[in-house]
Structure formats: structure tokens, C-alpha cells
């Protein structure tokens, strides 16, 4: 059966995927992604926008100008390493923080070289203190969000599920930030909104799976024939198709904004938000199914109740194996029992013919006598004596 057929059967719910039973595969994959993401954050770093690090922004319309011409005009005006972006018909030039005279010089150069009226060039100077305030508020919002999530999951479910969900959320944040670091996309306030959005989306998938696991594992008792891992995998398989469908429906429009909107229509203002949503939704779906659930199962399997269930099942399996071996031995003994029995404790020759008991008259007992010692036979005499009788 090909891979496509297996995936199709899993999607239709005909077979269940053993996701919980193979945690090493998922942990290895997540570990590799985390290492790459952390390396990107340390090597490349995040490309913070002007809202965070401060700077000057020039916005205008020049339909007939190319990106090289716009960058050249800003450089000729005194801007160092300007960042040029196009959103629809609007050009956006971001530079380092400039003084009032420098802003005037850059604006005059743009007006002269690109034939843009001075009244159509808007300027904005953003201080670094404002960006620092945004960062501070973002971290505060993240901490409050985590505390509320841990409290809610601990009350609605249990602390182990809260721990698994929080680990999955941190996993999603680091990998998404790593994608931003390696891709060089600018981190703006819209990016922070995307990060908070993917946290909620990832948490939604985890809560749906945890609720099904709680319902399926509730009847488990010491006499159950199913371990917690097997029951959790059944619950995960029953919600797998719904999670994939929900993720696919959400990812398609976000992917359209990211790839089609930014390339064909120049919707650059939505690029930062759509990338965070696109990457976060994919990683969030993966983590809720393949990271949070196996981690929860490993934490739950350490409880004495579920340890006892597993031990009881293993004991019953060993007993069944012993019974099967005993049945095989009895069957083999019965097959060899058709051979004639031994002649008795005296160890007689088994080839000796013995009269059958049914051929003897009643009351007659047959005993086999074995001679011991020297055989006593009469002497035969010499040949002459036998011939002449002398």
C-alpha cells in the first residue's frame, strides 16, 4: 500500500495513526526545528521595524519609478542603508533616525529625482522610546496570557494538560520567531498581533484533543484491557480529521494573503501579519497533535493508577502466552501417545511379542520371567558318541 493510499485512509478515518506510540520521532523533529530556530535568532537576529528601533519614514506615490531609483534618491539625500518597500502604488522608505535638516534634504531629493510634488511626500519620525514601550507591553501581554492559560487548563482539566499545552505554545513561538530570523521579514506591531493570534489558535487545537482524551480515558480502571496510551491515541485519531480540516480551511486564505497578495497586488502591509499566521497555524497544528499529546501521555503514564493498568495487562498477556505454550505441549504429547507403552519397570525388550490379554481365558495371569545368571543346559557329548551311541 502506497503512502498516498495510507494518508487517504487515515483522512477518511478508516485506520488510526499511531502518533502517541512514536514520541521519539516527533521529539527529534521538534528538536531539530528548535535548534535551527535558535541558531537563526542568535546568528541572524530579528529584523525589528522602525516602530521598535526608531527611524524616519517617507511615504509617497511614484508609479513610473523602480525600486533602484527610489533607493538611489534616498541615498543621494543622505539616508544610510534605506529600506524600500512598495505597497500597491505607495512607496515606503525607512531610514535611521534623521534630524529635521536631514529629513528636509531627503524629501527635497525625492521630489527632484522622482518628480514627486513635495506636498505628496509624507514624513514620519518614530522615536526608539515608543518602540521600547511596545515591546514592554507585548511581553506583559504574553505573560498574562500564559498565566491565564495555565489557570484555565488546570481548573478545566488538570495541571499535566496545562504543562503540555504551555510547552507546545513555547515551541510554536520559538519556531515562528526562527522563521522570521532566517527570512529577514520585518518585525512590526502587526507581527506581534500575529504571534498572539497563533497562540490562541494552537491552544484551541490542544483543548479539543485534550477534551476528547479526558472523555475516552475516564472509564479506565484496573480491569481495563486498554492502556492510557492506547486510549489517548484512539481519542487523537478521532479528532485528527477535524483538526486537519480546520487547519486547512484557516491556512488557505492566509496563504493567499501571504503569497498572492504580496506578490501580485503588493499588499506589503499585510506581509508581516500573514507570515506569522501562516507559519504559526502550521506549527500549531503539528504541536497540538504531535508534541502536546505525547507529552501529556508520558506524564499520565507515571501515575500509579495507569501504571497498575499497564502491569495488569502485561500480566494477562504473559498468562495467555503460558496457556498457549501449555496447549501446544499437550497437543504434542497427545500426538506421540499413540505409540505402544513400555513393557514395565523391568525394562524388557520392546520387540518381544506378548500375547494379547483378550486372547487368554479369564482368570489366567501372564507373567514375563527374565532369567538371570548362567544358563543350565545338558551336555551334547562328542560326535562319535552321538553316531554310535558309545
Protein backbone atom coordinates (compact mmCIF):
# COMPACT_ATOMS: atom_id res chain seq x y z
CA UNK A 1 0.00 0.00 0.00
CA UNK A 2 1.45 3.34 -1.07
CA UNK A 3 1.91 6.38 1.12
CA UNK A 4 -0.87 8.22 -0.68
CA UNK A 5 -3.33 5.38 -0.02
CA UNK A 6 -2.38 5.24 3.67
CA UNK A 7 -2.82 9.00 4.08
CA UNK A 8 -6.16 8.81 2.28
CA UNK A 9 -7.39 6.04 4.60
CA UNK A 10 -6.24 7.95 7.68
CA UNK A 11 -8.03 11.06 6.42
CA UNK A 12 -11.26 9.08 5.91
CA UNK A 13 -10.93 7.60 9.40
CA UNK A 14 -10.58 4.00 8.16
CA UNK A 15 -7.33 3.44 10.06
CA UNK A 16 -5.73 5.21 13.01
CA UNK A 17 -2.23 6.67 13.03
CA UNK A 18 -0.03 5.67 15.96
CA UNK A 19 1.05 9.19 16.84
CA UNK A 20 1.22 8.70 20.61
CA UNK A 21 3.23 5.49 20.30
CA UNK A 22 6.16 7.14 18.49
CA UNK A 23 7.16 10.14 20.59
CA UNK A 24 10.86 9.89 19.71
CA UNK A 25 10.13 10.72 16.07
CA UNK A 26 8.17 13.86 16.94
CA UNK A 27 10.60 14.96 19.65
CA UNK A 28 13.52 14.55 17.26
CA UNK A 29 11.76 16.59 14.57
CA UNK A 30 10.79 19.32 17.04
CA UNK A 31 14.31 19.34 18.47
CA UNK A 32 15.80 19.88 15.02
CA UNK A 33 13.38 22.72 14.28
CA UNK A 34 14.10 24.35 17.64
CA UNK A 35 17.86 24.15 17.09
CA UNK A 36 17.55 25.76 13.65
CA UNK A 37 15.26 28.47 15.04
CA UNK A 38 17.51 29.30 17.99
CA UNK A 39 20.52 29.37 15.66
CA UNK A 40 18.68 31.84 13.41
CA UNK A 41 17.82 34.04 16.37
CA UNK A 42 21.44 34.04 17.56
CA UNK A 43 23.12 34.38 14.16
CA UNK A 44 20.73 36.46 12.09
CA UNK A 45 18.61 38.06 14.78
CA UNK A 46 15.21 39.63 14.26
CA UNK A 47 14.78 42.50 11.84
CA UNK A 48 12.86 44.93 14.02
CA UNK A 49 10.86 47.58 12.23
CA UNK A 50 11.05 51.28 12.68
CA UNK A 51 8.31 51.10 15.30
CA UNK A 52 10.72 49.25 17.63
CA UNK A 53 14.14 50.70 16.89
CA UNK A 54 13.07 54.17 15.80
CA UNK A 55 13.72 55.93 12.50
CA UNK A 56 12.29 58.11 9.78
CA UNK A 57 9.63 57.03 7.28
CA UNK A 58 8.91 58.63 3.89
CA UNK A 59 5.74 57.69 2.01
CA UNK A 60 4.79 58.86 -1.50
CA UNK A 61 3.50 57.70 -4.89
CA UNK A 62 5.74 57.34 -7.95
CA UNK A 63 4.14 54.89 -10.38
CA UNK A 64 6.86 55.14 -13.03
CA UNK A 65 9.82 54.71 -10.67
CA UNK A 66 11.70 51.49 -10.00
CA UNK A 67 12.98 50.28 -6.65
CA UNK A 68 16.56 51.14 -7.66
CA UNK A 69 15.57 54.70 -8.50
CA UNK A 70 13.72 55.16 -5.20
CA UNK A 71 16.63 53.75 -3.19
CA UNK A 72 19.09 55.93 -5.11
CA UNK A 73 17.07 59.08 -4.39
CA UNK A 74 17.02 58.33 -0.67
CA UNK A 75 20.76 57.59 -0.65
CA UNK A 76 21.54 60.80 -2.54
CA UNK A 77 19.58 62.71 0.08
CA UNK A 78 21.87 61.44 2.86
CA UNK A 79 19.98 58.34 4.11
CA UNK A 80 22.20 55.40 5.07
CA UNK A 81 21.04 51.88 4.01
CA UNK A 82 17.41 52.82 3.39
CA UNK A 83 14.79 50.08 3.35
CA UNK A 84 12.47 50.48 0.36
CA UNK A 85 9.08 48.77 0.21
CA UNK A 86 6.17 49.04 -2.20
CA UNK A 87 2.55 48.56 -1.08
CA UNK A 88 0.24 48.94 -4.04
CA UNK A 89 1.07 52.32 -5.59
CA UNK A 90 2.73 53.68 -2.44
CA UNK A 91 6.47 53.68 -1.87
CA UNK A 92 7.72 53.46 1.73
CA UNK A 93 11.30 54.38 2.60
CA UNK A 94 12.53 53.58 6.11
CA UNK A 95 15.82 55.04 7.32
CA UNK A 96 17.69 55.52 10.56
CA UNK A 97 16.62 58.36 12.81
CA UNK A 98 17.30 61.60 10.97
CA UNK A 99 17.40 65.18 12.16
CA UNK A 100 14.99 67.79 10.83
CA UNK A 101 17.55 69.11 8.34
CA UNK A 102 18.31 65.60 7.09
CA UNK A 103 14.61 64.84 6.69
CA UNK A 104 14.19 68.02 4.65
CA UNK A 105 17.20 67.11 2.47
CA UNK A 106 15.91 63.58 1.73
CA UNK A 107 12.45 64.91 0.94
CA UNK A 108 13.88 67.51 -1.46
CA UNK A 109 15.97 64.87 -3.25
CA UNK A 110 12.95 62.58 -3.68
CA UNK A 111 10.93 65.50 -5.06
CA UNK A 112 13.64 66.41 -7.54
CA UNK A 113 14.79 62.98 -8.80
CA UNK A 114 11.43 61.20 -8.87
CA UNK A 115 9.30 64.16 -9.99
CA UNK A 116 7.01 63.94 -6.98
CA UNK A 117 5.36 67.07 -5.57
CA UNK A 118 6.68 67.98 -2.13
CA UNK A 119 3.14 68.04 -0.75
CA UNK A 120 2.72 64.39 -1.75
CA UNK A 121 5.70 63.19 0.29
CA UNK A 122 4.66 62.43 3.88
CA UNK A 123 7.30 62.08 6.58
CA UNK A 124 7.15 60.48 9.98
CA UNK A 125 9.80 60.28 12.68
CA UNK A 126 9.41 57.47 15.23
CA UNK A 127 11.44 57.51 18.42
CA UNK A 128 13.04 54.39 19.88
CA UNK A 129 11.29 55.00 23.21
CA UNK A 130 7.92 54.31 21.58
CA UNK A 131 9.20 51.02 20.22
CA UNK A 132 10.53 50.06 23.64
CA UNK A 133 7.13 50.74 25.12
CA UNK A 134 5.54 48.44 22.53
CA UNK A 135 7.99 45.66 23.39
CA UNK A 136 7.26 46.06 27.08
CA UNK A 137 3.50 45.87 26.52
CA UNK A 138 3.91 42.83 24.27
CA UNK A 139 5.89 40.92 26.90
CA UNK A 140 3.33 41.85 29.55
CA UNK A 141 0.51 40.60 27.33
CA UNK A 142 2.37 37.33 26.70
CA UNK A 143 2.99 36.72 30.42
CA UNK A 144 -0.65 37.45 31.31
CA UNK A 145 -1.81 35.18 28.50
CA UNK A 146 0.35 32.29 29.75
CA UNK A 147 -0.84 32.70 33.34
CA UNK A 148 -4.49 32.71 32.28
CA UNK A 149 -3.99 29.66 30.08
CA UNK A 150 -2.28 27.68 32.84
CA UNK A 151 -5.03 28.61 35.30
CA UNK A 152 -7.85 27.74 32.90
CA UNK A 153 -6.41 24.36 31.84
CA UNK A 154 -5.57 23.44 35.44
CA UNK A 155 -9.16 24.08 36.51
CA UNK A 156 -10.96 22.72 33.45
CA UNK A 157 -8.67 19.71 33.02
CA UNK A 158 -5.56 19.20 35.17
CA UNK A 159 -2.08 20.59 35.63
CA UNK A 160 -0.44 17.99 33.39
CA UNK A 161 -2.52 19.13 30.45
CA UNK A 162 -1.65 22.73 31.27
CA UNK A 163 2.07 21.90 31.24
CA UNK A 164 1.79 20.06 27.91
CA UNK A 165 -0.14 22.96 26.34
CA UNK A 166 2.32 25.60 27.56
CA UNK A 167 5.28 23.58 26.24
CA UNK A 168 3.55 23.41 22.85
CA UNK A 169 2.92 27.18 22.89
CA UNK A 170 6.57 27.99 23.66
CA UNK A 171 7.55 25.52 20.94
CA UNK A 172 5.37 27.40 18.42
CA UNK A 173 6.70 30.83 19.41
CA UNK A 174 10.36 29.86 19.08
CA UNK A 175 9.95 28.18 15.69
CA UNK A 176 7.89 31.06 14.28
CA UNK A 177 10.45 33.58 15.52
CA UNK A 178 13.19 31.47 13.93
CA UNK A 179 11.40 31.63 10.58
CA UNK A 180 11.30 35.43 10.90
CA UNK A 181 15.02 35.47 11.70
CA UNK A 182 16.08 33.33 8.74
CA UNK A 183 13.69 35.00 6.27
CA UNK A 184 14.62 38.54 7.29
CA UNK A 185 10.99 39.68 7.45
CA UNK A 186 10.48 42.87 9.38
CA UNK A 187 9.02 42.56 12.87
CA UNK A 188 6.28 45.16 13.30
CA UNK A 189 3.34 45.61 15.67
CA UNK A 190 1.30 43.59 13.18
CA UNK A 191 3.75 40.72 13.74
CA UNK A 192 3.03 40.80 17.48
CA UNK A 193 -0.68 40.59 16.74
CA UNK A 194 0.02 37.56 14.58
CA UNK A 195 2.03 35.93 17.37
CA UNK A 196 -0.79 36.37 19.88
CA UNK A 197 -3.27 35.04 17.32
CA UNK A 198 -1.34 31.84 16.68
CA UNK A 199 -1.11 31.23 20.43
CA UNK A 200 -4.88 31.19 20.64
CA UNK A 201 -5.18 29.01 17.55
CA UNK A 202 -2.65 26.45 18.81
CA UNK A 203 -4.35 26.38 22.19
CA UNK A 204 -7.72 25.73 20.53
CA UNK A 205 -6.44 22.57 18.85
CA UNK A 206 -4.83 21.35 22.08
CA UNK A 207 -8.03 21.91 24.10
CA UNK A 208 -10.12 19.98 21.55
CA UNK A 209 -7.73 17.00 21.70
CA UNK A 210 -7.43 17.12 25.50
CA UNK A 211 -11.18 17.19 25.94
CA UNK A 212 -11.58 14.06 23.80
CA UNK A 213 -8.75 12.32 25.68
CA UNK A 214 -10.38 13.16 29.01
CA UNK A 215 -13.67 11.68 27.84
CA UNK A 216 -12.15 8.49 26.42
CA UNK A 217 -9.81 7.76 29.36
CA UNK A 218 -12.37 8.47 32.09
CA UNK A 219 -13.79 4.86 32.22
CA UNK A 220 -10.32 3.26 32.57
CA UNK A 221 -9.99 1.00 35.62
CA UNK A 222 -7.55 -1.69 36.88
CA UNK A 223 -9.55 -4.31 34.96
CA UNK A 224 -9.43 -2.43 31.66
CA UNK A 225 -7.82 -4.04 28.65
CA UNK A 226 -6.62 -0.72 27.22
CA UNK A 227 -3.72 1.38 28.48
CA UNK A 228 -3.85 5.16 28.78
CA UNK A 229 -1.57 5.48 25.76
CA UNK A 230 -3.83 3.35 23.57
CA UNK A 231 -6.96 5.20 24.70
CA UNK A 232 -5.31 8.59 24.11
CA UNK A 233 -4.24 7.51 20.63
CA UNK A 234 -7.81 6.48 19.83
CA UNK A 235 -9.06 9.88 21.00
CA UNK A 236 -6.41 11.64 18.94
CA UNK A 237 -7.32 9.61 15.84
CA UNK A 238 -10.98 10.56 16.23
CA UNK A 239 -10.13 14.29 16.23
CA UNK A 240 -7.33 14.11 13.66
CA UNK A 241 -9.50 14.66 10.60
CA UNK A 242 -11.35 17.58 12.21
CA UNK A 243 -8.09 19.25 13.20
CA UNK A 244 -6.64 18.85 9.71
CA UNK A 245 -9.79 20.20 8.08
CA UNK A 246 -9.91 23.20 10.41
CA UNK A 247 -6.25 23.96 9.83
CA UNK A 248 -6.55 23.63 6.07
CA UNK A 249 -9.54 25.96 5.91
CA UNK A 250 -7.71 28.55 8.00
CA UNK A 251 -4.35 28.26 6.23
CA UNK A 252 -5.65 28.66 2.66
CA UNK A 253 -6.84 32.30 2.94
CA UNK A 254 -3.78 33.25 4.99
CA UNK A 255 -1.55 31.67 2.35
CA UNK A 256 -3.43 33.63 -0.31
CA UNK A 257 -2.70 36.89 1.53
CA UNK A 258 0.95 35.96 2.01
CA UNK A 259 1.85 34.68 -1.46
CA UNK A 260 -0.70 36.15 -3.85
CA UNK A 261 -1.41 39.44 -2.09
CA UNK A 262 2.22 40.41 -1.52
CA UNK A 263 3.48 39.34 -4.96
CA UNK A 264 0.65 40.30 -7.31
CA UNK A 265 -1.10 43.14 -5.51
CA UNK A 266 1.78 44.46 -3.43
CA UNK A 267 -0.03 44.21 -0.11
CA UNK A 268 3.18 44.71 1.83
CA UNK A 269 1.45 45.99 4.95
CA UNK A 270 -0.16 42.55 5.44
CA UNK A 271 3.02 40.57 4.80
CA UNK A 272 4.30 40.60 8.37
CA UNK A 273 0.95 39.60 9.83
CA UNK A 274 0.26 36.88 7.24
CA UNK A 275 3.67 35.23 7.65
CA UNK A 276 3.19 34.93 11.42
CA UNK A 277 -0.27 33.45 10.92
CA UNK A 278 0.79 31.09 8.14
CA UNK A 279 3.79 29.63 9.96
CA UNK A 280 2.06 29.65 13.35
CA UNK A 281 -1.03 27.78 12.15
CA UNK A 282 1.03 25.01 10.57
CA UNK A 283 3.35 24.65 13.56
CA UNK A 284 0.44 24.99 16.00
CA UNK A 285 -1.48 22.14 14.38
CA UNK A 286 1.63 19.96 14.43
CA UNK A 287 2.49 20.75 18.05
CA UNK A 288 -1.00 20.17 19.41
CA UNK A 289 -1.13 16.71 17.81
CA UNK A 290 2.47 15.51 17.90
CA UNK A 291 4.05 17.38 20.83
CA UNK A 292 1.41 18.24 23.43
CA UNK A 293 -0.45 14.92 23.27
CA UNK A 294 2.59 12.56 23.52
CA UNK A 295 3.97 14.71 26.34
CA UNK A 296 0.65 14.51 28.20
CA UNK A 297 0.57 10.72 27.77
CA UNK A 298 4.08 10.34 29.18
CA UNK A 299 3.15 12.44 32.21
CA UNK A 300 -0.08 10.49 32.80
CA UNK A 301 1.57 7.07 32.41
CA UNK A 302 3.63 7.85 35.51
CA UNK A 303 0.55 7.90 37.72
CA UNK A 304 0.11 4.77 39.91
CA UNK A 305 -3.37 4.11 38.50
CA UNK A 306 -2.22 3.84 34.91
CA UNK A 307 0.97 2.01 35.90
CA UNK A 308 -1.24 -0.64 37.52
CA UNK A 309 -3.42 -0.90 34.41
CA UNK A 310 -0.36 -1.46 32.24
CA UNK A 311 1.05 -4.03 34.69
CA UNK A 312 -2.27 -5.92 34.80
CA UNK A 313 -2.47 -6.03 31.02
CA UNK A 314 1.12 -7.28 30.78
CA UNK A 315 0.36 -9.97 33.42
CA UNK A 316 -2.69 -11.16 31.49
CA UNK A 317 -0.70 -11.28 28.27
CA UNK A 318 2.01 -13.37 29.94
CA UNK A 319 -0.64 -15.73 31.33
CA UNK A 320 -2.19 -16.11 27.88
CA UNK A 321 1.22 -16.91 26.41
CA UNK A 322 1.85 -19.56 29.08
CA UNK A 323 -1.52 -21.13 28.40
CA UNK A 324 -0.79 -21.19 24.68
CA UNK A 325 2.56 -22.91 25.28
CA UNK A 326 0.92 -25.42 27.61
CA UNK A 327 -1.72 -26.20 24.99
CA UNK A 328 0.98 -26.79 22.39
CA UNK A 329 2.83 -29.16 24.74
CA UNK A 330 -0.37 -31.11 25.45
CA UNK A 331 -1.14 -31.35 21.77
CA UNK A 332 2.35 -32.69 21.04
CA UNK A 333 2.07 -35.20 23.91
CA UNK A 334 -1.28 -36.41 22.67
CA UNK A 335 0.10 -36.98 19.17
CA UNK A 336 3.00 -39.11 20.48
CA UNK A 337 0.75 -41.07 22.88
CA UNK A 338 -0.45 -43.36 20.05
CA UNK A 339 2.82 -45.36 20.27
CA UNK A 340 2.82 -48.64 22.34
CA UNK A 341 3.67 -48.14 26.01
CA UNK A 342 6.78 -49.52 27.70
CA UNK A 343 6.73 -53.13 28.97
CA UNK A 344 7.10 -52.15 32.57
CA UNK A 345 9.65 -51.19 35.13
CA UNK A 346 11.79 -54.27 34.47
CA UNK A 347 12.97 -52.82 31.21
CA UNK A 348 12.13 -55.76 28.93
CA UNK A 349 12.76 -55.79 25.25
CA UNK A 350 10.03 -53.81 23.49
CA UNK A 351 10.37 -56.03 20.40
CA UNK A 352 9.28 -59.19 22.24
CA UNK A 353 5.87 -60.38 21.25
CA UNK A 354 3.41 -60.64 24.07
CA UNK A 355 0.06 -62.38 23.89
CA UNK A 356 -2.83 -60.06 23.89
CA UNK A 357 -4.88 -60.15 27.06
CA UNK A 358 -8.08 -60.58 25.12
CA UNK A 359 -6.81 -63.95 23.66
CA UNK A 360 -6.39 -65.61 27.09
CA UNK A 361 -9.14 -67.19 29.13
CA UNK A 362 -10.37 -65.32 32.11
CA UNK A 363 -8.53 -65.96 35.36
CA UNK A 364 -5.18 -66.62 33.66
CA UNK A 365 -2.36 -64.26 34.51
CA UNK A 366 0.62 -63.92 32.24
CA UNK A 367 3.94 -63.01 33.78
CA UNK A 368 7.13 -62.36 31.96
CA UNK A 369 10.07 -64.12 33.62
CA UNK A 370 13.56 -62.91 32.90
CA UNK A 371 16.37 -65.40 33.52
CA UNK A 372 19.37 -64.24 35.45
CA UNK A 373 22.74 -65.96 35.93
CA UNK A 374 24.29 -68.86 33.92
CA UNK A 375 22.11 -70.89 31.61
CA UNK A 376 22.00 -74.64 32.66
CA UNK A 377 21.78 -76.94 29.59
CA UNK A 378 22.67 -80.68 29.22
CA UNK A 379 25.92 -81.63 27.57
CA UNK A 380 25.55 -82.83 23.99
CA UNK A 381 28.53 -85.30 24.06
CA UNK A 382 31.06 -85.92 21.32
CA UNK A 383 30.24 -86.58 17.66
CA UNK A 384 31.28 -90.26 17.89
CA UNK A 385 29.08 -90.86 20.88
CA UNK A 386 26.14 -89.27 19.06
CA UNK A 387 26.72 -91.51 15.99
CA UNK A 388 27.34 -94.89 17.62
CA UNK A 389 25.68 -94.42 20.86
CA UNK A 390 29.02 -95.33 22.52
